[in-house]
PDB file of N, CA and C in Angstrom:
ATOM      1  N   UNK A   1      42.423   5.108 -55.441  1.00  0.00           N
ATOM      2  CA  UNK A   1      40.871   4.859 -55.679  1.00  0.00           C
ATOM      3  C   UNK A   1      40.662   5.511 -57.286  1.00  0.00           C
ATOM      4  N   UNK A   2      39.912   5.288 -58.421  1.00  0.00           N
ATOM      5  CA  UNK A   2      39.765   5.676 -59.449  1.00  0.00           C
ATOM      6  C   UNK A   2      38.705   6.512 -59.263  1.00  0.00           C
ATOM      7  N   UNK A   3      38.490   7.386 -60.378  1.00  0.00           N
ATOM      8  CA  UNK A   3      37.404   8.153 -60.608  1.00  0.00           C
ATOM      9  C   UNK A   3      36.286   7.470 -60.870  1.00  0.00           C
ATOM     10  N   UNK A   4      35.094   7.594 -60.596  1.00  0.00           N
ATOM     11  CA  UNK A   4      33.791   6.356 -60.854  1.00  0.00           C
ATOM     12  C   UNK A   4      33.333   6.986 -62.303  1.00  0.00           C
ATOM     13  N   UNK A   5      33.021   8.727 -62.324  1.00  0.00           N
ATOM     14  CA  UNK A   5      32.920   8.778 -63.721  1.00  0.00           C
ATOM     15  C   UNK A   5      33.911   7.810 -65.142  1.00  0.00           C
ATOM     16  N   UNK A   6      35.093   8.168 -64.606  1.00  0.00           N
ATOM     17  CA  UNK A   6      36.492   7.494 -65.291  1.00  0.00           C
ATOM     18  C   UNK A   6      36.349   5.854 -65.542  1.00  0.00           C
ATOM     19  N   UNK A   7      35.802   5.404 -64.656  1.00  0.00           N
ATOM     20  CA  UNK A   7      35.340   3.963 -64.588  1.00  0.00           C
ATOM     21  C   UNK A   7      34.232   3.765 -65.406  1.00  0.00           C
ATOM     22  N   UNK A   8      33.251   4.391 -65.332  1.00  0.00           N
ATOM     23  CA  UNK A   8      32.098   4.249 -66.252  1.00  0.00           C
ATOM     24  C   UNK A   8      32.724   4.332 -67.725  1.00  0.00           C
ATOM     25  N   UNK A   9      33.224   5.533 -68.118  1.00  0.00           N
ATOM     26  CA  UNK A   9      33.710   5.773 -69.468  1.00  0.00           C
ATOM     27  C   UNK A   9      34.721   4.467 -69.692  1.00  0.00           C
ATOM     28  N   UNK A  10      35.606   4.343 -68.945  1.00  0.00           N
ATOM     29  CA  UNK A  10      36.341   3.229 -69.801  1.00  0.00           C
ATOM     30  C   UNK A  10      35.668   1.597 -69.755  1.00  0.00           C
ATOM     31  N   UNK A  11      34.550   1.614 -69.134  1.00  0.00           N
ATOM     32  CA  UNK A  11      33.820   0.097 -69.316  1.00  0.00           C
ATOM     33  C   UNK A  11      32.766   0.192 -70.761  1.00  0.00           C
ATOM     34  N   UNK A  12      32.829   1.626 -70.879  1.00  0.00           N
ATOM     35  CA  UNK A  12      31.899   1.463 -72.315  1.00  0.00           C
ATOM     36  C   UNK A  12      32.720   1.480 -73.225  1.00  0.00           C
ATOM     37  N   UNK A  13      34.351   1.598 -73.192  1.00  0.00           N
ATOM     38  CA  UNK A  13      34.972   1.426 -74.164  1.00  0.00           C
ATOM     39  C   UNK A  13      35.271   0.178 -75.440  1.00  0.00           C
ATOM     40  N   UNK A  14      34.797  -1.004 -74.568  1.00  0.00           N
ATOM     41  CA  UNK A  14      34.726  -2.154 -75.109  1.00  0.00           C
ATOM     42  C   UNK A  14      33.686  -1.909 -76.073  1.00  0.00           C
ATOM     43  N   UNK A  15      32.171  -1.549 -75.836  1.00  0.00           N
ATOM     44  CA  UNK A  15      31.415  -1.385 -76.561  1.00  0.00           C
ATOM     45  C   UNK A  15      31.494  -0.458 -77.795  1.00  0.00           C
ATOM     46  N   UNK A  16      32.050   0.536 -77.642  1.00  0.00           N
ATOM     47  CA  UNK A  16      32.525   1.483 -78.313  1.00  0.00           C
ATOM     48  C   UNK A  16      32.988   0.835 -79.761  1.00  0.00           C
ATOM     49  N   UNK A  17      34.398   0.329 -79.181  1.00  0.00           N
ATOM     50  CA  UNK A  17      35.338  -0.319 -80.121  1.00  0.00           C
ATOM     51  C   UNK A  17      34.371  -1.945 -81.149  1.00  0.00           C
ATOM     52  N   UNK A  18      33.883  -2.501 -80.338  1.00  0.00           N
ATOM     53  CA  UNK A  18      33.011  -3.265 -81.120  1.00  0.00           C
ATOM     54  C   UNK A  18      32.100  -3.046 -81.881  1.00  0.00           C
ATOM     55  N   UNK A  19      31.550  -1.990 -81.499  1.00  0.00           N
ATOM     56  CA  UNK A  19      30.262  -1.336 -82.221  1.00  0.00           C
ATOM     57  C   UNK A  19      31.160  -0.700 -83.460  1.00  0.00           C
ATOM     58  N   UNK A  20      32.184   0.075 -83.429  1.00  0.00           N
ATOM     59  CA  UNK A  20      32.687   0.453 -84.560  1.00  0.00           C
ATOM     60  C   UNK A  20      33.389  -0.564 -85.516  1.00  0.00           C
ATOM     61  N   UNK A  21      34.210  -1.364 -84.977  1.00  0.00           N
ATOM     62  CA  UNK A  21      34.939  -2.335 -85.678  1.00  0.00           C
ATOM     63  C   UNK A  21      34.182  -3.338 -86.719  1.00  0.00           C
ATOM     64  N   UNK A  22      33.058  -3.540 -86.071  1.00  0.00           N
ATOM     65  CA  UNK A  22      32.118  -4.324 -86.678  1.00  0.00           C
ATOM     66  C   UNK A  22      31.893  -3.716 -88.156  1.00  0.00           C
ATOM     67  N   UNK A  23      32.202  -2.709 -88.256  1.00  0.00           N
ATOM     68  CA  UNK A  23      31.268  -1.898 -89.631  1.00  0.00           C
ATOM     69  C   UNK A  23      32.848  -1.036 -90.297  1.00  0.00           C
ATOM     70  N   UNK A  24      33.857  -1.103 -89.995  1.00  0.00           N
ATOM     71  CA  UNK A  24      35.093  -0.943 -90.497  1.00  0.00           C
ATOM     72  C   UNK A  24      35.910  -2.080 -90.650  1.00  0.00           C
ATOM     73  N   UNK A  25      36.362  -2.947 -89.545  1.00  0.00           N
ATOM     74  CA  UNK A  25      37.303  -3.823 -90.002  1.00  0.00           C
ATOM     75  C   UNK A  25      36.647  -5.048 -90.687  1.00  0.00           C
ATOM     76  N   UNK A  26      37.410  -6.154 -90.469  1.00  0.00           N
ATOM     77  CA  UNK A  26      37.144  -7.477 -91.133  1.00  0.00           C
ATOM     78  C   UNK A  26      36.779  -8.582 -90.223  1.00  0.00           C
ATOM     79  N   UNK A  27      36.257  -9.411 -90.734  1.00  0.00           N
ATOM     80  CA  UNK A  27      36.128 -10.877 -89.894  1.00  0.00           C
ATOM     81  C   UNK A  27      37.565 -11.259 -89.006  1.00  0.00           C
ATOM     82  N   UNK A  28      38.721 -11.189 -89.986  1.00  0.00           N
ATOM     83  CA  UNK A  28      39.961 -11.490 -89.541  1.00  0.00           C
ATOM     84  C   UNK A  28      40.650 -10.461 -88.844  1.00  0.00           C
ATOM     85  N   UNK A  29      40.257  -9.172 -88.914  1.00  0.00           N
ATOM     86  CA  UNK A  29      40.829  -8.088 -88.486  1.00  0.00           C
ATOM     87  C   UNK A  29      40.241  -7.319 -88.236  1.00  0.00           C
ATOM     88  N   UNK A  30      39.953  -6.603 -87.077  1.00  0.00           N
ATOM     89  CA  UNK A  30      39.029  -5.691 -86.733  1.00  0.00           C
ATOM     90  C   UNK A  30      39.876  -4.473 -86.371  1.00  0.00           C
ATOM     91  N   UNK A  31      40.905  -4.130 -87.061  1.00  0.00           N
ATOM     92  CA  UNK A  31      41.873  -2.842 -87.346  1.00  0.00           C
ATOM     93  C   UNK A  31      42.204  -3.079 -89.027  1.00  0.00           C
ATOM     94  N   UNK A  32      41.306  -3.799 -89.507  1.00  0.00           N
ATOM     95  CA  UNK A  32      42.251  -3.727 -91.123  1.00  0.00           C
ATOM     96  C   UNK A  32      41.883  -2.441 -91.734  1.00  0.00           C
ATOM     97  N   UNK A  33      40.646  -1.630 -91.368  1.00  0.00           N
ATOM     98  CA  UNK A  33      40.423  -0.202 -92.071  1.00  0.00           C
ATOM     99  C   UNK A  33      41.479   0.494 -91.894  1.00  0.00           C
ATOM    100  N   UNK A  34      42.223   0.679 -90.644  1.00  0.00           N
ATOM    101  CA  UNK A  34      43.466   1.490 -90.481  1.00  0.00           C
ATOM    102  C   UNK A  34      44.654   0.991 -91.445  1.00  0.00           C
ATOM    103  N   UNK A  35      44.977  -0.406 -91.198  1.00  0.00           N
ATOM    104  CA  UNK A  35      45.828  -0.735 -92.032  1.00  0.00           C
ATOM    105  C   UNK A  35      45.721  -0.303 -93.661  1.00  0.00           C
ATOM    106  N   UNK A  36      44.636  -0.554 -94.107  1.00  0.00           N
ATOM    107  CA  UNK A  36      44.290  -0.168 -95.578  1.00  0.00           C
ATOM    108  C   UNK A  36      44.676   1.112 -95.919  1.00  0.00           C
ATOM    109  N   UNK A  37      44.165   2.007 -94.793  1.00  0.00           N
ATOM    110  CA  UNK A  37      44.266   3.636 -95.308  1.00  0.00           C
ATOM    111  C   UNK A  37      45.257   3.961 -95.251  1.00  0.00           C
ATOM    112  N   UNK A  38      45.956   3.307 -93.916  1.00  0.00           N
ATOM    113  CA  UNK A  38      47.670   3.738 -94.061  1.00  0.00           C
ATOM    114  C   UNK A  38      48.719   3.581 -95.190  1.00  0.00           C
ATOM    115  N   UNK A  39      48.288   2.082 -95.782  1.00  0.00           N
ATOM    116  CA  UNK A  39      49.177   1.862 -96.726  1.00  0.00           C
ATOM    117  C   UNK A  39      48.917   2.624 -98.256  1.00  0.00           C
ATOM    118  N   UNK A  40      47.594   3.004 -98.238  1.00  0.00           N
ATOM    119  CA  UNK A  40      47.239   3.641 -99.561  1.00  0.00           C
ATOM    120  C   UNK A  40      48.036   5.352 -99.149  1.00  0.00           C
ATOM    121  N   UNK A  41      47.866   5.737 -98.136  1.00  0.00           N
ATOM    122  CA  UNK A  41      48.663   6.924 -97.777  1.00  0.00           C
ATOM    123  C   UNK A  41      49.932   7.166 -97.381  1.00  0.00           C
ATOM    124  N   UNK A  42      50.631   5.691 -97.377  1.00  0.00           N
ATOM    125  CA  UNK A  42      51.825   5.847 -97.076  1.00  0.00           C
ATOM    126  C   UNK A  42      52.568   6.361 -95.974  1.00  0.00           C
ATOM    127  N   UNK A  43      51.255   6.064 -94.978  1.00  0.00           N
ATOM    128  CA  UNK A  43      51.909   6.342 -93.515  1.00  0.00           C
ATOM    129  C   UNK A  43      52.010   4.816 -92.422  1.00  0.00           C
ATOM    130  N   UNK A  44      52.896   5.288 -91.535  1.00  0.00           N
ATOM    131  CA  UNK A  44      53.045   4.290 -90.576  1.00  0.00           C
ATOM    132  C   UNK A  44      51.608   3.372 -89.915  1.00  0.00           C
ATOM    133  N   UNK A  45      51.362   2.803 -90.078  1.00  0.00           N
ATOM    134  CA  UNK A  45      50.055   2.256 -89.835  1.00  0.00           C
ATOM    135  C   UNK A  45      49.147   2.714 -88.449  1.00  0.00           C
ATOM    136  N   UNK A  46      50.305   2.865 -87.011  1.00  0.00           N
ATOM    137  CA  UNK A  46      49.623   3.451 -86.151  1.00  0.00           C
ATOM    138  C   UNK A  46      49.536   5.013 -85.903  1.00  0.00           C
ATOM    139  N   UNK A  47      50.084   5.764 -87.274  1.00  0.00           N
ATOM    140  CA  UNK A  47      49.598   7.112 -87.520  1.00  0.00           C
ATOM    141  C   UNK A  47      48.209   7.627 -87.746  1.00  0.00           C
ATOM    142  N   UNK A  48      47.782   6.533 -88.709  1.00  0.00           N
ATOM    143  CA  UNK A  48      46.374   6.854 -89.352  1.00  0.00           C
ATOM    144  C   UNK A  48      45.251   7.198 -88.013  1.00  0.00           C
ATOM    145  N   UNK A  49      45.068   6.256 -87.099  1.00  0.00           N
ATOM    146  CA  UNK A  49      44.114   6.602 -86.068  1.00  0.00           C
ATOM    147  C   UNK A  49      44.706   7.750 -85.362  1.00  0.00           C
ATOM    148  N   UNK A  50      45.968   8.061 -85.093  1.00  0.00           N
ATOM    149  CA  UNK A  50      46.392   9.015 -84.438  1.00  0.00           C
ATOM    150  C   UNK A  50      45.679  10.636 -85.108  1.00  0.00           C
ATOM    151  N   UNK A  51      45.740  10.219 -86.674  1.00  0.00           N
ATOM    152  CA  UNK A  51      45.353  11.512 -87.129  1.00  0.00           C
ATOM    153  C   UNK A  51      43.933  11.549 -86.735  1.00  0.00           C
ATOM    154  N   UNK A  52      43.126  10.630 -87.082  1.00  0.00           N
ATOM    155  CA  UNK A  52      41.580  10.477 -86.735  1.00  0.00           C
ATOM    156  C   UNK A  52      41.157  11.064 -85.324  1.00  0.00           C
ATOM    157  N   UNK A  53      42.418  10.904 -84.332  1.00  0.00           N
ATOM    158  CA  UNK A  53      41.889  11.327 -82.786  1.00  0.00           C
ATOM    159  C   UNK A  53      41.905  13.000 -83.354  1.00  0.00           C
ATOM    160  N   UNK A  54      42.940  13.523 -83.765  1.00  0.00           N
ATOM    161  CA  UNK A  54      43.196  15.253 -84.002  1.00  0.00           C
ATOM    162  C   UNK A  54      41.853  15.431 -84.813  1.00  0.00           C
ATOM    163  N   UNK A  55      41.186  14.851 -85.670  1.00  0.00           N
ATOM    164  CA  UNK A  55      40.025  15.292 -86.113  1.00  0.00           C
ATOM    165  C   UNK A  55      39.096  15.093 -85.626  1.00  0.00           C
ATOM    166  N   UNK A  56      38.995  14.048 -84.813  1.00  0.00           N
ATOM    167  CA  UNK A  56      37.556  14.217 -83.881  1.00  0.00           C
ATOM    168  C   UNK A  56      38.160  15.240 -82.658  1.00  0.00           C
ATOM    169  N   UNK A  57      39.126  15.747 -82.038  1.00  0.00           N
ATOM    170  CA  UNK A  57      39.354  16.578 -81.073  1.00  0.00           C
ATOM    171  C   UNK A  57      38.849  18.045 -81.589  1.00  0.00           C
ATOM    172  N   UNK A  58      39.210  18.252 -82.871  1.00  0.00           N
ATOM    173  CA  UNK A  58      38.985  19.237 -83.731  1.00  0.00           C
ATOM    174  C   UNK A  58      37.297  19.639 -83.790  1.00  0.00           C
ATOM    175  N   UNK A  59      36.674  18.533 -83.938  1.00  0.00           N
ATOM    176  CA  UNK A  59      35.263  18.988 -83.840  1.00  0.00           C
ATOM    177  C   UNK A  59      34.683  19.131 -82.707  1.00  0.00           C
ATOM    178  N   UNK A  60      35.219  18.219 -81.687  1.00  0.00           N
ATOM    179  CA  UNK A  60      34.832  18.042 -80.424  1.00  0.00           C
ATOM    180  C   UNK A  60      35.034  19.948 -79.737  1.00  0.00           C
ATOM    181  N   UNK A  61      35.956  20.496 -80.251  1.00  0.00           N
ATOM    182  CA  UNK A  61      36.118  21.518 -79.622  1.00  0.00           C
ATOM    183  C   UNK A  61      35.490  22.775 -80.401  1.00  0.00           C
ATOM    184  N   UNK A  62      35.251  22.368 -81.575  1.00  0.00           N
ATOM    185  CA  UNK A  62      34.155  23.576 -82.193  1.00  0.00           C
ATOM    186  C   UNK A  62      32.817  23.441 -81.410  1.00  0.00           C
ATOM    187  N   UNK A  63      32.628  22.335 -81.394  1.00  0.00           N
ATOM    188  CA  UNK A  63      31.018  21.956 -81.010  1.00  0.00           C
ATOM    189  C   UNK A  63      31.139  22.775 -79.386  1.00  0.00           C
ATOM    190  N   UNK A  64      32.064  22.334 -78.580  1.00  0.00           N
ATOM    191  CA  UNK A  64      32.301  23.028 -77.219  1.00  0.00           C
ATOM    192  C   UNK A  64      32.235  24.411 -77.320  1.00  0.00           C
ATOM    193  N   UNK A  65      33.160  24.965 -78.342  1.00  0.00           N
ATOM    194  CA  UNK A  65      33.118  26.134 -78.253  1.00  0.00           C
ATOM    195  C   UNK A  65      31.691  27.114 -78.970  1.00  0.00           C
ATOM    196  N   UNK A  66      30.958  26.415 -79.635  1.00  0.00           N
ATOM    197  CA  UNK A  66      29.388  26.796 -79.744  1.00  0.00           C
ATOM    198  C   UNK A  66      28.701  26.514 -78.776  1.00  0.00           C
ATOM    199  N   UNK A  67      28.927  26.038 -77.787  1.00  0.00           N
ATOM    200  CA  UNK A  67      28.203  25.786 -76.685  1.00  0.00           C
ATOM    201  C   UNK A  67      27.424  24.548 -76.218  1.00  0.00           C
ATOM    202  N   UNK A  68      27.900  23.502 -77.370  1.00  0.00           N
ATOM    203  CA  UNK A  68      27.234  22.175 -77.550  1.00  0.00           C
ATOM    204  C   UNK A  68      27.806  21.011 -77.087  1.00  0.00           C
ATOM    205  N   UNK A  69      28.425  21.184 -75.910  1.00  0.00           N
ATOM    206  CA  UNK A  69      29.235  19.864 -75.479  1.00  0.00           C
ATOM    207  C   UNK A  69      28.472  18.788 -75.005  1.00  0.00           C
ATOM    208  N   UNK A  70      27.096  19.247 -74.920  1.00  0.00           N
ATOM    209  CA  UNK A  70      26.093  18.134 -74.291  1.00  0.00           C
ATOM    210  C   UNK A  70      25.822  17.187 -75.627  1.00  0.00           C
ATOM    211  N   UNK A  71      26.029  17.373 -76.748  1.00  0.00           N
ATOM    212  CA  UNK A  71      25.997  16.524 -77.699  1.00  0.00           C
ATOM    213  C   UNK A  71      27.738  15.776 -78.442  1.00  0.00           C
ATOM    214  N   UNK A  72      28.856  16.329 -77.956  1.00  0.00           N
ATOM    215  CA  UNK A  72      30.092  15.781 -78.156  1.00  0.00           C
ATOM    216  C   UNK A  72      30.067  14.350 -77.399  1.00  0.00           C
ATOM    217  N   UNK A  73      30.139  13.497 -78.752  1.00  0.00           N
ATOM    218  CA  UNK A  73      30.515  12.143 -78.724  1.00  0.00           C
ATOM    219  C   UNK A  73      31.761  11.706 -78.862  1.00  0.00           C
ATOM    220  N   UNK A  74      32.606  12.460 -79.493  1.00  0.00           N
ATOM    221  CA  UNK A  74      33.940  12.368 -79.610  1.00  0.00           C
ATOM    222  C   UNK A  74      34.948  11.839 -78.638  1.00  0.00           C
ATOM    223  N   UNK A  75      34.888  12.078 -77.358  1.00  0.00           N
ATOM    224  CA  UNK A  75      35.699  11.639 -76.765  1.00  0.00           C
ATOM    225  C   UNK A  75      35.758  10.143 -76.364  1.00  0.00           C
ATOM    226  N   UNK A  76      34.722   9.490 -76.463  1.00  0.00           N
ATOM    227  CA  UNK A  76      34.920   8.242 -76.167  1.00  0.00           C
ATOM    228  C   UNK A  76      35.522   7.585 -77.606  1.00  0.00           C
ATOM    229  N   UNK A  77      35.216   8.033 -79.058  1.00  0.00           N
ATOM    230  CA  UNK A  77      35.998   7.937 -80.253  1.00  0.00           C
ATOM    231  C   UNK A  77      37.288   8.096 -79.948  1.00  0.00           C
ATOM    232  N   UNK A  78      37.967   9.133 -79.085  1.00  0.00           N
ATOM    233  CA  UNK A  78      38.990   9.319 -79.185  1.00  0.00           C
ATOM    234  C   UNK A  78      39.750   8.489 -78.520  1.00  0.00           C
ATOM    235  N   UNK A  79      39.394   7.955 -77.367  1.00  0.00           N
ATOM    236  CA  UNK A  79      39.850   6.994 -76.283  1.00  0.00           C
ATOM    237  C   UNK A  79      40.047   5.712 -77.071  1.00  0.00           C
ATOM    238  N   UNK A  80      39.065   5.401 -77.985  1.00  0.00           N
ATOM    239  CA  UNK A  80      39.252   3.989 -78.522  1.00  0.00           C
ATOM    240  C   UNK A  80      39.840   4.000 -79.816  1.00  0.00           C
ATOM    241  N   UNK A  81      40.385   5.245 -80.499  1.00  0.00           N
ATOM    242  CA  UNK A  81      41.112   5.475 -81.351  1.00  0.00           C
ATOM    243  C   UNK A  81      42.545   5.110 -80.796  1.00  0.00           C
ATOM    244  N   UNK A  82      42.777   5.885 -79.779  1.00  0.00           N
ATOM    245  CA  UNK A  82      44.398   5.752 -79.046  1.00  0.00           C
ATOM    246  C   UNK A  82      44.583   4.338 -78.794  1.00  0.00           C
ATOM    247  N   UNK A  83      43.665   3.681 -78.345  1.00  0.00           N
ATOM    248  CA  UNK A  83      44.094   2.034 -78.258  1.00  0.00           C
ATOM    249  C   UNK A  83      44.140   1.721 -79.427  1.00  0.00           C
ATOM    250  N   UNK A  84      43.329   1.854 -80.455  1.00  0.00           N
ATOM    251  CA  UNK A  84      43.615   1.339 -81.775  1.00  0.00           C
ATOM    252  C   UNK A  84      45.129   1.308 -82.256  1.00  0.00           C
ATOM    253  N   UNK A  85      45.518   2.847 -81.940  1.00  0.00           N
ATOM    254  CA  UNK A  85      47.008   3.153 -82.233  1.00  0.00           C
ATOM    255  C   UNK A  85      47.911   2.394 -81.279  1.00  0.00           C
ATOM    256  N   UNK A  86      47.643   2.338 -80.374  1.00  0.00           N
ATOM    257  CA  UNK A  86      48.377   1.475 -79.368  1.00  0.00           C
ATOM    258  C   UNK A  86      48.587   0.081 -79.764  1.00  0.00           C
ATOM    259  N   UNK A  87      47.369  -0.449 -80.154  1.00  0.00           N
ATOM    260  CA  UNK A  87      47.213  -1.887 -80.828  1.00  0.00           C
ATOM    261  C   UNK A  87      48.101  -2.116 -81.819  1.00  0.00           C
ATOM    262  N   UNK A  88      47.939  -1.151 -82.790  1.00  0.00           N
ATOM    263  CA  UNK A  88      48.418  -1.414 -84.114  1.00  0.00           C
ATOM    264  C   UNK A  88      50.306  -1.085 -84.069  1.00  0.00           C
ATOM    265  N   UNK A  89      50.660  -0.159 -83.064  1.00  0.00           N
ATOM    266  CA  UNK A  89      52.139  -0.022 -82.614  1.00  0.00           C
ATOM    267  C   UNK A  89      52.673  -1.181 -82.312  1.00  0.00           C
ATOM    268  N   UNK A  90      51.859  -1.864 -81.421  1.00  0.00           N
ATOM    269  CA  UNK A  90      52.687  -3.204 -80.776  1.00  0.00           C
ATOM    270  C   UNK A  90      52.629  -4.175 -81.958  1.00  0.00           C
ATOM    271  N   UNK A  91      51.572  -3.930 -82.664  1.00  0.00           N
ATOM    272  CA  UNK A  91      51.626  -5.286 -83.955  1.00  0.00           C
ATOM    273  C   UNK A  91      52.465  -4.762 -84.722  1.00  0.00           C
ATOM    274  N   UNK A  92      53.003  -3.942 -84.970  1.00  0.00           N
ATOM    275  CA  UNK A  92      54.242  -3.350 -86.029  1.00  0.00           C
ATOM    276  C   UNK A  92      55.400  -3.637 -85.443  1.00  0.00           C
ATOM    277  N   UNK A  93      55.570  -3.443 -83.871  1.00  0.00           N
ATOM    278  CA  UNK A  93      56.724  -3.878 -83.525  1.00  0.00           C
ATOM    279  C   UNK A  93      57.026  -5.352 -82.814  1.00  0.00           C
ATOM    280  N   UNK A  94      55.878  -6.268 -83.247  1.00  0.00           N
ATOM    281  CA  UNK A  94      55.926  -7.434 -82.889  1.00  0.00           C
ATOM    282  C   UNK A  94      55.712  -8.034 -81.554  1.00  0.00           C
ATOM    283  N   UNK A  95      54.937  -7.119 -80.912  1.00  0.00           N
ATOM    284  CA  UNK A  95      54.542  -7.630 -79.410  1.00  0.00           C
ATOM    285  C   UNK A  95      53.438  -8.865 -79.658  1.00  0.00           C
ATOM    286  N   UNK A  96      52.578  -9.027 -80.581  1.00  0.00           N
ATOM    287  CA  UNK A  96      51.530  -9.917 -80.578  1.00  0.00           C
ATOM    288  C   UNK A  96      51.575 -10.692 -81.890  1.00  0.00           C
ATOM    289  N   UNK A  97      50.092 -11.377 -82.076  1.00  0.00           N
ATOM    290  CA  UNK A  97      49.942 -12.095 -83.107  1.00  0.00           C
ATOM    291  C   UNK A  97      50.959 -12.724 -84.086  1.00  0.00           C
TER     292      UNK A  97
END
């Protein structure tokens, strides 16, 4: 049996991804922003969202350390970024598309 709070958070991920990709991606590729930045930086495409996860976790850590955990929204972003990284890794390895 899955934890109900985990399931609720998991169900929110689609909305988080949809909202974020609408402003970052393109009509043809919801993950195009990651592709563009990785190319400019000379990084493997799946590494850029992983680096963004580190940034988000650092911010969350600082907020929690200040006693502001109730304002942390970064964990949902990290979960979404992890799935973006996985999708890009699969794409790079020829799993789909």
